[in-house]
Amino acid sequence: MATTTPSPESAAQLQLDGYNARDIDIFCSAYSDDVQLLDMLSGAVLCDGIEKLRVKYREQFERCPDLHCTLVKRIVCGNVVIDEELVKGLAPGKIVHATAIYEVQNGLIRRGWFVKGDAQAD
């Protein structure tokens, strides 16, 4: 029986669900082993590889118990998913407007680019 590769949108939704549950295993299951996350404007590498991703986000999930990302809009174009988001819980009383762009290969997020706007009052 043939297996079906998850869609790019499914991978993006899985990581969002894991993020909001602060469940590191669900979150990481959406990413490839060689994932790379970058700041879109500066080009800075935020994370390189699944183990570094696991450490980075485990620390964030533990440090931010009220963390929650609301999806404002999602665009899917081929294997690319673009999410506009509002993120609460990174800083007390603040909401961060962000954009995440995911490149999905074989059903897993291979690369991600992020743009964060200014934090606004909650």
PDB file of N, CA and C in Angstrom:
ATOM      1  N   MET A   1       0.846  -1.183   0.000  1.00  0.00           N
ATOM      2  CA  MET A   1       0.000   0.000   0.000  1.00  0.00           C
ATOM      3  C   MET A   1       0.891   1.245   0.000  1.00  0.00           C
ATOM      4  N   ALA A   2       0.596   2.168  -0.853  1.00  0.00           N
ATOM      5  CA  ALA A   2       1.387   3.398  -0.956  1.00  0.00           C
ATOM      6  C   ALA A   2       1.018   4.354   0.177  1.00  0.00           C
ATOM      7  N   THR A   3       2.026   5.061   0.672  1.00  0.00           N
ATOM      8  CA  THR A   3       1.766   6.073   1.698  1.00  0.00           C
ATOM      9  C   THR A   3       1.682   7.437   1.030  1.00  0.00           C
ATOM     10  N   THR A   4       0.909   8.303   1.614  1.00  0.00           N
ATOM     11  CA  THR A   4       0.727   9.648   1.082  1.00  0.00           C
ATOM     12  C   THR A   4       1.591  10.623   1.864  1.00  0.00           C
ATOM     13  N   THR A   5       2.329  11.457   1.158  1.00  0.00           N
ATOM     14  CA  THR A   5       3.135  12.488   1.802  1.00  0.00           C
ATOM     15  C   THR A   5       2.210  13.604   2.268  1.00  0.00           C
ATOM     16  N   PRO A   6       2.364  14.029   3.537  1.00  0.00           N
ATOM     17  CA  PRO A   6       1.526  15.134   4.025  1.00  0.00           C
ATOM     18  C   PRO A   6       1.718  16.388   3.164  1.00  0.00           C
ATOM     19  N   SER A   7       0.672  17.161   3.039  1.00  0.00           N
ATOM     20  CA  SER A   7       0.721  18.389   2.247  1.00  0.00           C
ATOM     21  C   SER A   7       1.555  19.453   2.965  1.00  0.00           C
ATOM     22  N   PRO A   8       2.056  20.438   2.227  1.00  0.00           N
ATOM     23  CA  PRO A   8       2.762  21.546   2.873  1.00  0.00           C
ATOM     24  C   PRO A   8       1.905  22.219   3.946  1.00  0.00           C
ATOM     25  N   GLU A   9       0.618  22.401   3.667  1.00  0.00           N
ATOM     26  CA  GLU A   9      -0.264  23.024   4.654  1.00  0.00           C
ATOM     27  C   GLU A   9      -0.373  22.169   5.916  1.00  0.00           C
ATOM     28  N   SER A  10      -0.405  20.848   5.759  1.00  0.00           N
ATOM     29  CA  SER A  10      -0.470  19.957   6.920  1.00  0.00           C
ATOM     30  C   SER A  10       0.766  20.097   7.800  1.00  0.00           C
ATOM     31  N   ALA A  11       1.941  20.218   7.180  1.00  0.00           N
ATOM     32  CA  ALA A  11       3.179  20.387   7.947  1.00  0.00           C
ATOM     33  C   ALA A  11       3.154  21.701   8.719  1.00  0.00           C
ATOM     34  N   ALA A  12       2.724  22.768   8.068  1.00  0.00           N
ATOM     35  CA  ALA A  12       2.652  24.071   8.741  1.00  0.00           C
ATOM     36  C   ALA A  12       1.652  24.029   9.893  1.00  0.00           C
ATOM     37  N   GLN A  13       0.521  23.372   9.683  1.00  0.00           N
ATOM     38  CA  GLN A  13      -0.490  23.295  10.736  1.00  0.00           C
ATOM     39  C   GLN A  13      -0.016  22.430  11.900  1.00  0.00           C
ATOM     40  N   LEU A  14       0.693  21.340  11.606  1.00  0.00           N
ATOM     41  CA  LEU A  14       1.212  20.472  12.660  1.00  0.00           C
ATOM     42  C   LEU A  14       2.172  21.231  13.561  1.00  0.00           C
ATOM     43  N   GLN A  15       3.087  22.012  12.972  1.00  0.00           N
ATOM     44  CA  GLN A  15       4.027  22.752  13.808  1.00  0.00           C
ATOM     45  C   GLN A  15       3.299  23.826  14.605  1.00  0.00           C
ATOM     46  N   LEU A  16       2.274  24.455  14.025  1.00  0.00           N
ATOM     47  CA  LEU A  16       1.499  25.458  14.754  1.00  0.00           C
ATOM     48  C   LEU A  16       0.756  24.818  15.927  1.00  0.00           C
ATOM     49  N   ASP A  17       0.163  23.661  15.701  1.00  0.00           N
ATOM     50  CA  ASP A  17      -0.536  22.956  16.778  1.00  0.00           C
ATOM     51  C   ASP A  17       0.433  22.574  17.897  1.00  0.00           C
ATOM     52  N   GLY A  18       1.613  22.074  17.532  1.00  0.00           N
ATOM     53  CA  GLY A  18       2.624  21.730  18.536  1.00  0.00           C
ATOM     54  C   GLY A  18       3.116  22.950  19.291  1.00  0.00           C
ATOM     55  N   TYR A  19       3.292  24.058  18.582  1.00  0.00           N
ATOM     56  CA  TYR A  19       3.721  25.321  19.193  1.00  0.00           C
ATOM     57  C   TYR A  19       2.700  25.774  20.229  1.00  0.00           C
ATOM     58  N   ASN A  20       1.426  25.792  19.838  1.00  0.00           N
ATOM     59  CA  ASN A  20       0.388  26.267  20.751  1.00  0.00           C
ATOM     60  C   ASN A  20       0.182  25.336  21.939  1.00  0.00           C
ATOM     61  N   ALA A  21       0.439  24.053  21.757  1.00  0.00           N
ATOM     62  CA  ALA A  21       0.348  23.096  22.865  1.00  0.00           C
ATOM     63  C   ALA A  21       1.640  23.085  23.686  1.00  0.00           C
ATOM     64  N   ARG A  22       2.662  23.778  23.187  1.00  0.00           N
ATOM     65  CA  ARG A  22       3.996  23.760  23.780  1.00  0.00           C
ATOM     66  C   ARG A  22       4.477  22.315  23.942  1.00  0.00           C
ATOM     67  N   ASP A  23       4.194  21.513  22.914  1.00  0.00           N
ATOM     68  CA  ASP A  23       4.584  20.100  22.878  1.00  0.00           C
ATOM     69  C   ASP A  23       5.752  19.964  21.908  1.00  0.00           C
ATOM     70  N   ILE A  24       6.943  19.820  22.466  1.00  0.00           N
ATOM     71  CA  ILE A  24       8.157  19.833  21.645  1.00  0.00           C
ATOM     72  C   ILE A  24       8.202  18.677  20.648  1.00  0.00           C
ATOM     73  N   ASP A  25       7.653  17.522  21.018  1.00  0.00           N
ATOM     74  CA  ASP A  25       7.689  16.376  20.107  1.00  0.00           C
ATOM     75  C   ASP A  25       6.772  16.582  18.906  1.00  0.00           C
ATOM     76  N   ILE A  26       5.556  17.048  19.148  1.00  0.00           N
ATOM     77  CA  ILE A  26       4.645  17.334  18.030  1.00  0.00           C
ATOM     78  C   ILE A  26       5.232  18.441  17.162  1.00  0.00           C
ATOM     79  N   PHE A  27       5.713  19.505  17.797  1.00  0.00           N
ATOM     80  CA  PHE A  27       6.302  20.630  17.072  1.00  0.00           C
ATOM     81  C   PHE A  27       7.432  20.154  16.158  1.00  0.00           C
ATOM     82  N   CYS A  28       8.378  19.417  16.706  1.00  0.00           N
ATOM     83  CA  CYS A  28       9.546  18.988  15.930  1.00  0.00           C
ATOM     84  C   CYS A  28       9.207  17.961  14.856  1.00  0.00           C
ATOM     85  N   SER A  29       8.105  17.229  15.028  1.00  0.00           N
ATOM     86  CA  SER A  29       7.744  16.204  14.042  1.00  0.00           C
ATOM     87  C   SER A  29       7.384  16.806  12.682  1.00  0.00           C
ATOM     88  N   ALA A  30       7.158  18.108  12.624  1.00  0.00           N
ATOM     89  CA  ALA A  30       6.829  18.777  11.362  1.00  0.00           C
ATOM     90  C   ALA A  30       8.071  19.193  10.577  1.00  0.00           C
ATOM     91  N   TYR A  31       9.254  19.066  11.184  1.00  0.00           N
ATOM     92  CA  TYR A  31      10.493  19.575  10.591  1.00  0.00           C
ATOM     93  C   TYR A  31      11.421  18.451  10.147  1.00  0.00           C
ATOM     94  N   SER A  32      12.188  18.705   9.090  1.00  0.00           N
ATOM     95  CA  SER A  32      13.194  17.753   8.624  1.00  0.00           C
ATOM     96  C   SER A  32      14.408  17.800   9.549  1.00  0.00           C
ATOM     97  N   ASP A  33      15.206  16.751   9.526  1.00  0.00           N
ATOM     98  CA  ASP A  33      16.399  16.685  10.380  1.00  0.00           C
ATOM     99  C   ASP A  33      17.378  17.814  10.083  1.00  0.00           C
ATOM    100  N   ASP A  34      17.417  18.263   8.830  1.00  0.00           N
ATOM    101  CA  ASP A  34      18.374  19.305   8.443  1.00  0.00           C
ATOM    102  C   ASP A  34      17.708  20.677   8.299  1.00  0.00           C
ATOM    103  N   VAL A  35      16.655  20.899   9.070  1.00  0.00           N
ATOM    104  CA  VAL A  35      15.918  22.158   9.013  1.00  0.00           C
ATOM    105  C   VAL A  35      16.836  23.353   9.275  1.00  0.00           C
ATOM    106  N   GLN A  36      16.534  24.441   8.611  1.00  0.00           N
ATOM    107  CA  GLN A  36      17.244  25.692   8.847  1.00  0.00           C
ATOM    108  C   GLN A  36      16.208  26.808   8.944  1.00  0.00           C
ATOM    109  N   LEU A  37      16.287  27.592  10.032  1.00  0.00           N
ATOM    110  CA  LEU A  37      15.404  28.731  10.240  1.00  0.00           C
ATOM    111  C   LEU A  37      16.228  30.001  10.170  1.00  0.00           C
ATOM    112  N   LEU A  38      15.706  31.010   9.462  1.00  0.00           N
ATOM    113  CA  LEU A  38      16.457  32.242   9.238  1.00  0.00           C
ATOM    114  C   LEU A  38      15.605  33.477   9.487  1.00  0.00           C
ATOM    115  N   ASP A  39      16.278  34.559   9.891  1.00  0.00           N
ATOM    116  CA  ASP A  39      15.645  35.873   9.933  1.00  0.00           C
ATOM    117  C   ASP A  39      15.622  36.361   8.489  1.00  0.00           C
ATOM    118  N   MET A  40      14.450  36.619   7.957  1.00  0.00           N
ATOM    119  CA  MET A  40      14.340  36.954   6.543  1.00  0.00           C
ATOM    120  C   MET A  40      15.038  38.261   6.190  1.00  0.00           C
ATOM    121  N   LEU A  41      15.003  39.236   7.072  1.00  0.00           N
ATOM    122  CA  LEU A  41      15.567  40.546   6.747  1.00  0.00           C
ATOM    123  C   LEU A  41      17.082  40.589   6.870  1.00  0.00           C
ATOM    124  N   SER A  42      17.621  39.973   7.910  1.00  0.00           N
ATOM    125  CA  SER A  42      19.072  40.035   8.118  1.00  0.00           C
ATOM    126  C   SER A  42      19.806  38.849   7.506  1.00  0.00           C
ATOM    127  N   GLY A  43      19.077  37.753   7.263  1.00  0.00           N
ATOM    128  CA  GLY A  43      19.719  36.538   6.772  1.00  0.00           C
ATOM    129  C   GLY A  43      20.361  35.721   7.872  1.00  0.00           C
ATOM    130  N   ALA A  44      20.281  36.189   9.118  1.00  0.00           N
ATOM    131  CA  ALA A  44      20.893  35.475  10.242  1.00  0.00           C
ATOM    132  C   ALA A  44      20.240  34.107  10.418  1.00  0.00           C
ATOM    133  N   VAL A  45      21.074  33.107  10.666  1.00  0.00           N
ATOM    134  CA  VAL A  45      20.580  31.760  10.936  1.00  0.00           C
ATOM    135  C   VAL A  45      20.106  31.717  12.383  1.00  0.00           C
ATOM    136  N   LEU A  46      18.836  31.401  12.570  1.00  0.00           N
ATOM    137  CA  LEU A  46      18.255  31.322  13.906  1.00  0.00           C
ATOM    138  C   LEU A  46      18.401  29.926  14.484  1.00  0.00           C
ATOM    139  N   CYS A  47      18.432  28.944  13.602  1.00  0.00           N
ATOM    140  CA  CYS A  47      18.500  27.563  14.043  1.00  0.00           C
ATOM    141  C   CYS A  47      18.954  26.708  12.869  1.00  0.00           C
ATOM    142  N   ASP A  48      19.837  25.751  13.135  1.00  0.00           N
ATOM    143  CA  ASP A  48      20.376  24.898  12.082  1.00  0.00           C
ATOM    144  C   ASP A  48      20.365  23.452  12.562  1.00  0.00           C
ATOM    145  N   GLY A  49      19.413  22.662  12.090  1.00  0.00           N
ATOM    146  CA  GLY A  49      19.316  21.256  12.465  1.00  0.00           C
ATOM    147  C   GLY A  49      18.242  21.001  13.513  1.00  0.00           C
ATOM    148  N   ILE A  50      17.694  19.794  13.475  1.00  0.00           N
ATOM    149  CA  ILE A  50      16.571  19.445  14.335  1.00  0.00           C
ATOM    150  C   ILE A  50      16.930  19.465  15.818  1.00  0.00           C
ATOM    151  N   GLU A  51      18.143  19.073  16.174  1.00  0.00           N
ATOM    152  CA  GLU A  51      18.507  19.061  17.597  1.00  0.00           C
ATOM    153  C   GLU A  51      18.583  20.477  18.159  1.00  0.00           C
ATOM    154  N   LYS A  52      19.132  21.402  17.391  1.00  0.00           N
ATOM    155  CA  LYS A  52      19.176  22.802  17.840  1.00  0.00           C
ATOM    156  C   LYS A  52      17.772  23.395  17.898  1.00  0.00           C
ATOM    157  N   LEU A  53      16.923  23.010  16.948  1.00  0.00           N
ATOM    158  CA  LEU A  53      15.531  23.455  16.970  1.00  0.00           C
ATOM    159  C   LEU A  53      14.851  22.962  18.247  1.00  0.00           C
ATOM    160  N   ARG A  54      15.076  21.694  18.575  1.00  0.00           N
ATOM    161  CA  ARG A  54      14.475  21.098  19.769  1.00  0.00           C
ATOM    162  C   ARG A  54      14.907  21.847  21.025  1.00  0.00           C
ATOM    163  N   VAL A  55      16.191  22.134  21.158  1.00  0.00           N
ATOM    164  CA  VAL A  55      16.705  22.844  22.336  1.00  0.00           C
ATOM    165  C   VAL A  55      16.128  24.257  22.401  1.00  0.00           C
ATOM    166  N   LYS A  56      16.184  24.974  21.282  1.00  0.00           N
ATOM    167  CA  LYS A  56      15.712  26.371  21.235  1.00  0.00           C
ATOM    168  C   LYS A  56      14.247  26.481  21.637  1.00  0.00           C
ATOM    169  N   TYR A  57      13.413  25.655  21.052  1.00  0.00           N
ATOM    170  CA  TYR A  57      11.980  25.771  21.317  1.00  0.00           C
ATOM    171  C   TYR A  57      11.573  25.125  22.639  1.00  0.00           C
ATOM    172  N   ARG A  58      12.275  24.102  23.094  1.00  0.00           N
ATOM    173  CA  ARG A  58      11.981  23.558  24.424  1.00  0.00           C
ATOM    174  C   ARG A  58      12.187  24.649  25.472  1.00  0.00           C
ATOM    175  N   GLU A  59      13.301  25.381  25.353  1.00  0.00           N
ATOM    176  CA  GLU A  59      13.575  26.481  26.284  1.00  0.00           C
ATOM    177  C   GLU A  59      12.484  27.551  26.193  1.00  0.00           C
ATOM    178  N   GLN A  60      12.068  27.895  24.979  1.00  0.00           N
ATOM    179  CA  GLN A  60      11.022  28.912  24.806  1.00  0.00           C
ATOM    180  C   GLN A  60       9.696  28.435  25.395  1.00  0.00           C
ATOM    181  N   PHE A  61       9.338  27.189  25.165  1.00  0.00           N
ATOM    182  CA  PHE A  61       8.083  26.656  25.699  1.00  0.00           C
ATOM    183  C   PHE A  61       8.091  26.667  27.225  1.00  0.00           C
ATOM    184  N   GLU A  62       9.240  26.349  27.828  1.00  0.00           N
ATOM    185  CA  GLU A  62       9.345  26.343  29.294  1.00  0.00           C
ATOM    186  C   GLU A  62       9.318  27.763  29.857  1.00  0.00           C
ATOM    187  N   ARG A  63       9.945  28.692  29.168  1.00  0.00           N
ATOM    188  CA  ARG A  63      10.065  30.081  29.620  1.00  0.00           C
ATOM    189  C   ARG A  63       8.771  30.882  29.423  1.00  0.00           C
ATOM    190  N   CYS A  64       7.929  30.462  28.497  1.00  0.00           N
ATOM    191  CA  CYS A  64       6.743  31.240  28.111  1.00  0.00           C
ATOM    192  C   CYS A  64       5.473  30.389  28.249  1.00  0.00           C
ATOM    193  N   PRO A  65       4.958  30.235  29.468  1.00  0.00           N
ATOM    194  CA  PRO A  65       3.796  29.355  29.670  1.00  0.00           C
ATOM    195  C   PRO A  65       2.513  29.849  29.006  1.00  0.00           C
ATOM    196  N   ASP A  66       2.431  31.132  28.683  1.00  0.00           N
ATOM    197  CA  ASP A  66       1.229  31.682  28.049  1.00  0.00           C
ATOM    198  C   ASP A  66       1.375  31.830  26.538  1.00  0.00           C
ATOM    199  N   LEU A  67       2.393  31.210  25.982  1.00  0.00           N
ATOM    200  CA  LEU A  67       2.679  31.314  24.555  1.00  0.00           C
ATOM    201  C   LEU A  67       1.501  30.817  23.720  1.00  0.00           C
ATOM    202  N   HIS A  68       1.096  31.633  22.755  1.00  0.00           N
ATOM    203  CA  HIS A  68       0.027  31.222  21.837  1.00  0.00           C
ATOM    204  C   HIS A  68       0.152  32.017  20.536  1.00  0.00           C
ATOM    205  N   CYS A  69       0.047  31.304  19.442  1.00  0.00           N
ATOM    206  CA  CYS A  69       0.121  31.921  18.119  1.00  0.00           C
ATOM    207  C   CYS A  69      -1.239  31.801  17.437  1.00  0.00           C
ATOM    208  N   THR A  70      -1.785  32.943  17.038  1.00  0.00           N
ATOM    209  CA  THR A  70      -3.044  32.969  16.296  1.00  0.00           C
ATOM    210  C   THR A  70      -2.737  33.164  14.820  1.00  0.00           C
ATOM    211  N   LEU A  71      -3.233  32.262  14.004  1.00  0.00           N
ATOM    212  CA  LEU A  71      -3.057  32.368  12.564  1.00  0.00           C
ATOM    213  C   LEU A  71      -4.050  33.392  12.021  1.00  0.00           C
ATOM    214  N   VAL A  72      -3.525  34.445  11.402  1.00  0.00           N
ATOM    215  CA  VAL A  72      -4.365  35.492  10.819  1.00  0.00           C
ATOM    216  C   VAL A  72      -4.728  35.127   9.386  1.00  0.00           C
ATOM    217  N   LYS A  73      -3.721  34.681   8.635  1.00  0.00           N
ATOM    218  CA  LYS A  73      -3.929  34.344   7.228  1.00  0.00           C
ATOM    219  C   LYS A  73      -2.875  33.340   6.797  1.00  0.00           C
ATOM    220  N   ARG A  74      -3.279  32.427   5.934  1.00  0.00           N
ATOM    221  CA  ARG A  74      -2.334  31.440   5.389  1.00  0.00           C
ATOM    222  C   ARG A  74      -2.473  31.417   3.873  1.00  0.00           C
ATOM    223  N   ILE A  75      -1.323  31.435   3.204  1.00  0.00           N
ATOM    224  CA  ILE A  75      -1.265  31.311   1.750  1.00  0.00           C
ATOM    225  C   ILE A  75      -0.411  30.091   1.447  1.00  0.00           C
ATOM    226  N   VAL A  76      -0.906  29.225   0.580  1.00  0.00           N
ATOM    227  CA  VAL A  76      -0.148  28.057   0.145  1.00  0.00           C
ATOM    228  C   VAL A  76       0.092  28.200  -1.349  1.00  0.00           C
ATOM    229  N   CYS A  77       1.362  28.128  -1.738  1.00  0.00           N
ATOM    230  CA  CYS A  77       1.743  28.229  -3.148  1.00  0.00           C
ATOM    231  C   CYS A  77       2.743  27.114  -3.431  1.00  0.00           C
ATOM    232  N   GLY A  78       2.282  26.025  -4.017  1.00  0.00           N
ATOM    233  CA  GLY A  78       3.159  24.884  -4.251  1.00  0.00           C
ATOM    234  C   GLY A  78       3.631  24.309  -2.934  1.00  0.00           C
ATOM    235  N   ASN A  79       4.953  24.241  -2.756  1.00  0.00           N
ATOM    236  CA  ASN A  79       5.507  23.682  -1.519  1.00  0.00           C
ATOM    237  C   ASN A  79       5.881  24.765  -0.506  1.00  0.00           C
ATOM    238  N   VAL A  80       5.359  25.973  -0.691  1.00  0.00           N
ATOM    239  CA  VAL A  80       5.640  27.087   0.220  1.00  0.00           C
ATOM    240  C   VAL A  80       4.352  27.487   0.938  1.00  0.00           C
ATOM    241  N   VAL A  81       4.480  27.682   2.251  1.00  0.00           N
ATOM    242  CA  VAL A  81       3.359  28.131   3.075  1.00  0.00           C
ATOM    243  C   VAL A  81       3.767  29.442   3.732  1.00  0.00           C
ATOM    244  N   ILE A  82       2.909  30.443   3.631  1.00  0.00           N
ATOM    245  CA  ILE A  82       3.162  31.753   4.233  1.00  0.00           C
ATOM    246  C   ILE A  82       2.076  31.996   5.272  1.00  0.00           C
ATOM    247  N   ASP A  83       2.498  32.158   6.524  1.00  0.00           N
ATOM    248  CA  ASP A  83       1.562  32.398   7.619  1.00  0.00           C
ATOM    249  C   ASP A  83       1.755  33.797   8.186  1.00  0.00           C
ATOM    250  N   GLU A  84       0.665  34.547   8.283  1.00  0.00           N
ATOM    251  CA  GLU A  84       0.660  35.796   9.043  1.00  0.00           C
ATOM    252  C   GLU A  84       0.129  35.432  10.420  1.00  0.00           C
ATOM    253  N   GLU A  85       0.839  35.871  11.470  1.00  0.00           N
ATOM    254  CA  GLU A  85       0.540  35.418  12.827  1.00  0.00           C
ATOM    255  C   GLU A  85       0.542  36.568  13.829  1.00  0.00           C
ATOM    256  N   LEU A  86      -0.189  36.357  14.906  1.00  0.00           N
ATOM    257  CA  LEU A  86      -0.115  37.204  16.093  1.00  0.00           C
ATOM    258  C   LEU A  86       0.310  36.296  17.235  1.00  0.00           C
ATOM    259  N   VAL A  87       1.449  36.619  17.858  1.00  0.00           N
ATOM    260  CA  VAL A  87       2.021  35.755  18.894  1.00  0.00           C
ATOM    261  C   VAL A  87       1.937  36.446  20.247  1.00  0.00           C
ATOM    262  N   LYS A  88       1.273  35.785  21.182  1.00  0.00           N
ATOM    263  CA  LYS A  88       1.156  36.275  22.558  1.00  0.00           C
ATOM    264  C   LYS A  88       2.042  35.420  23.452  1.00  0.00           C
ATOM    265  N   GLY A  89       2.502  36.024  24.551  1.00  0.00           N
ATOM    266  CA  GLY A  89       3.209  35.259  25.565  1.00  0.00           C
ATOM    267  C   GLY A  89       4.716  35.287  25.475  1.00  0.00           C
ATOM    268  N   LEU A  90       5.280  35.913  24.445  1.00  0.00           N
ATOM    269  CA  LEU A  90       6.740  36.045  24.369  1.00  0.00           C
ATOM    270  C   LEU A  90       7.229  37.064  25.389  1.00  0.00           C
ATOM    271  N   ALA A  91       6.429  38.113  25.589  1.00  0.00           N
ATOM    272  CA  ALA A  91       6.702  39.152  26.593  1.00  0.00           C
ATOM    273  C   ALA A  91       5.365  39.484  27.250  1.00  0.00           C
ATOM    274  N   PRO A  92       5.356  39.689  28.558  1.00  0.00           N
ATOM    275  CA  PRO A  92       4.097  39.956  29.263  1.00  0.00           C
ATOM    276  C   PRO A  92       3.337  41.147  28.670  1.00  0.00           C
ATOM    277  N   GLY A  93       2.053  40.925  28.376  1.00  0.00           N
ATOM    278  CA  GLY A  93       1.193  41.995  27.897  1.00  0.00           C
ATOM    279  C   GLY A  93       1.453  42.462  26.484  1.00  0.00           C
ATOM    280  N   LYS A  94       2.226  41.716  25.713  1.00  0.00           N
ATOM    281  CA  LYS A  94       2.580  42.132  24.350  1.00  0.00           C
ATOM    282  C   LYS A  94       2.124  41.094  23.325  1.00  0.00           C
ATOM    283  N   ILE A  95       1.796  41.591  22.141  1.00  0.00           N
ATOM    284  CA  ILE A  95       1.492  40.740  20.996  1.00  0.00           C
ATOM    285  C   ILE A  95       2.477  41.095  19.887  1.00  0.00           C
ATOM    286  N   VAL A  96       3.095  40.079  19.301  1.00  0.00           N
ATOM    287  CA  VAL A  96       4.047  40.281  18.207  1.00  0.00           C
ATOM    288  C   VAL A  96       3.369  39.893  16.892  1.00  0.00           C
ATOM    289  N   HIS A  97       3.389  40.815  15.942  1.00  0.00           N
ATOM    290  CA  HIS A  97       2.886  40.548  14.592  1.00  0.00           C
ATOM    291  C   HIS A  97       4.045  39.938  13.819  1.00  0.00           C
ATOM    292  N   ALA A  98       3.847  38.750  13.255  1.00  0.00           N
ATOM    293  CA  ALA A  98       4.946  38.047  12.598  1.00  0.00           C
ATOM    294  C   ALA A  98       4.480  37.406  11.295  1.00  0.00           C
ATOM    295  N   THR A  99       5.455  37.149  10.437  1.00  0.00           N
ATOM    296  CA  THR A  99       5.222  36.389   9.214  1.00  0.00           C
ATOM    297  C   THR A  99       6.214  35.239   9.193  1.00  0.00           C
ATOM    298  N   ALA A 100       5.706  34.053   8.889  1.00  0.00           N
ATOM    299  CA  ALA A 100       6.545  32.864   8.771  1.00  0.00           C
ATOM    300  C   ALA A 100       6.361  32.294   7.370  1.00  0.00           C
ATOM    301  N   ILE A 101       7.468  31.953   6.738  1.00  0.00           N
ATOM    302  CA  ILE A 101       7.437  31.363   5.404  1.00  0.00           C
ATOM    303  C   ILE A 101       8.133  30.013   5.501  1.00  0.00           C
ATOM    304  N   TYR A 102       7.424  28.963   5.141  1.00  0.00           N
ATOM    305  CA  TYR A 102       7.955  27.604   5.256  1.00  0.00           C
ATOM    306  C   TYR A 102       8.113  26.975   3.883  1.00  0.00           C
ATOM    307  N   GLU A 103       9.286  26.403   3.640  1.00  0.00           N
ATOM    308  CA  GLU A 103       9.513  25.588   2.451  1.00  0.00           C
ATOM    309  C   GLU A 103       9.403  24.138   2.899  1.00  0.00           C
ATOM    310  N   VAL A 104       8.489  23.402   2.283  1.00  0.00           N
ATOM    311  CA  VAL A 104       8.214  22.028   2.687  1.00  0.00           C
ATOM    312  C   VAL A 104       8.701  21.072   1.603  1.00  0.00           C
ATOM    313  N   GLN A 105       9.462  20.047   2.032  1.00  0.00           N
ATOM    314  CA  GLN A 105       9.929  19.001   1.122  1.00  0.00           C
ATOM    315  C   GLN A 105       9.587  17.655   1.736  1.00  0.00           C
ATOM    316  N   ASN A 106       8.991  16.787   0.941  1.00  0.00           N
ATOM    317  CA  ASN A 106       8.614  15.447   1.407  1.00  0.00           C
ATOM    318  C   ASN A 106       7.775  15.492   2.677  1.00  0.00           C
ATOM    319  N   GLY A 107       6.886  16.474   2.770  1.00  0.00           N
ATOM    320  CA  GLY A 107       5.965  16.569   3.887  1.00  0.00           C
ATOM    321  C   GLY A 107       6.526  17.168   5.161  1.00  0.00           C
ATOM    322  N   LEU A 108       7.784  17.631   5.131  1.00  0.00           N
ATOM    323  CA  LEU A 108       8.423  18.215   6.314  1.00  0.00           C
ATOM    324  C   LEU A 108       8.966  19.604   5.995  1.00  0.00           C
ATOM    325  N   ILE A 109       8.955  20.465   6.992  1.00  0.00           N
ATOM    326  CA  ILE A 109       9.491  21.814   6.820  1.00  0.00           C
ATOM    327  C   ILE A 109      11.011  21.723   6.751  1.00  0.00           C
ATOM    328  N   ARG A 110      11.565  22.170   5.644  1.00  0.00           N
ATOM    329  CA  ARG A 110      13.015  22.108   5.407  1.00  0.00           C
ATOM    330  C   ARG A 110      13.681  23.434   5.754  1.00  0.00           C
ATOM    331  N   ARG A 111      13.001  24.542   5.394  1.00  0.00           N
ATOM    332  CA  ARG A 111      13.529  25.867   5.720  1.00  0.00           C
ATOM    333  C   ARG A 111      12.383  26.777   6.122  1.00  0.00           C
ATOM    334  N   GLY A 112      12.708  27.721   6.999  1.00  0.00           N
ATOM    335  CA  GLY A 112      11.722  28.703   7.425  1.00  0.00           C
ATOM    336  C   GLY A 112      12.372  30.067   7.530  1.00  0.00           C
ATOM    337  N   TRP A 113      11.635  31.086   7.118  1.00  0.00           N
ATOM    338  CA  TRP A 113      12.091  32.469   7.214  1.00  0.00           C
ATOM    339  C   TRP A 113      11.076  33.223   8.055  1.00  0.00           C
ATOM    340  N   PHE A 114      11.564  34.107   8.912  1.00  0.00           N
ATOM    341  CA  PHE A 114      10.678  34.812   9.831  1.00  0.00           C
ATOM    342  C   PHE A 114      10.916  36.312   9.790  1.00  0.00           C
ATOM    343  N   VAL A 115       9.819  37.059   9.875  1.00  0.00           N
ATOM    344  CA  VAL A 115       9.859  38.511  10.016  1.00  0.00           C
ATOM    345  C   VAL A 115       8.988  38.834  11.218  1.00  0.00           C
ATOM    346  N   LYS A 116       9.568  39.549  12.183  1.00  0.00           N
ATOM    347  CA  LYS A 116       8.805  39.950  13.368  1.00  0.00           C
ATOM    348  C   LYS A 116       8.614  41.450  13.351  1.00  0.00           C
ATOM    349  N   GLY A 117       7.363  41.859  13.545  1.00  0.00           N
ATOM    350  CA  GLY A 117       7.055  43.274  13.667  1.00  0.00           C
ATOM    351  C   GLY A 117       7.255  43.715  15.104  1.00  0.00           C
ATOM    352  N   ASP A 118       6.941  44.953  15.366  1.00  0.00           N
ATOM    353  CA  ASP A 118       7.045  45.483  16.723  1.00  0.00           C
ATOM    354  C   ASP A 118       5.994  44.849  17.616  1.00  0.00           C
ATOM    355  N   ALA A 119       6.361  44.657  18.885  1.00  0.00           N
ATOM    356  CA  ALA A 119       5.409  44.169  19.875  1.00  0.00           C
ATOM    357  C   ALA A 119       4.426  45.286  20.198  1.00  0.00           C
ATOM    358  N   GLN A 120       3.164  44.918  20.314  1.00  0.00           N
ATOM    359  CA  GLN A 120       2.116  45.880  20.640  1.00  0.00           C
ATOM    360  C   GLN A 120       1.446  45.458  21.936  1.00  0.00           C
ATOM    361  N   ALA A 121       0.812  46.407  22.591  1.00  0.00           N
ATOM    362  CA  ALA A 121       0.109  46.095  23.838  1.00  0.00           C
ATOM    363  C   ALA A 121      -0.987  45.081  23.569  1.00  0.00           C
ATOM    364  N   ASP A 122      -1.142  44.170  24.496  1.00  0.00           N
ATOM    365  CA  ASP A 122      -2.139  43.105  24.432  1.00  0.00           C
ATOM    366  C   ASP A 122      -3.541  43.662  24.524  1.00  0.00           C
TER     367      ASP A 122
END
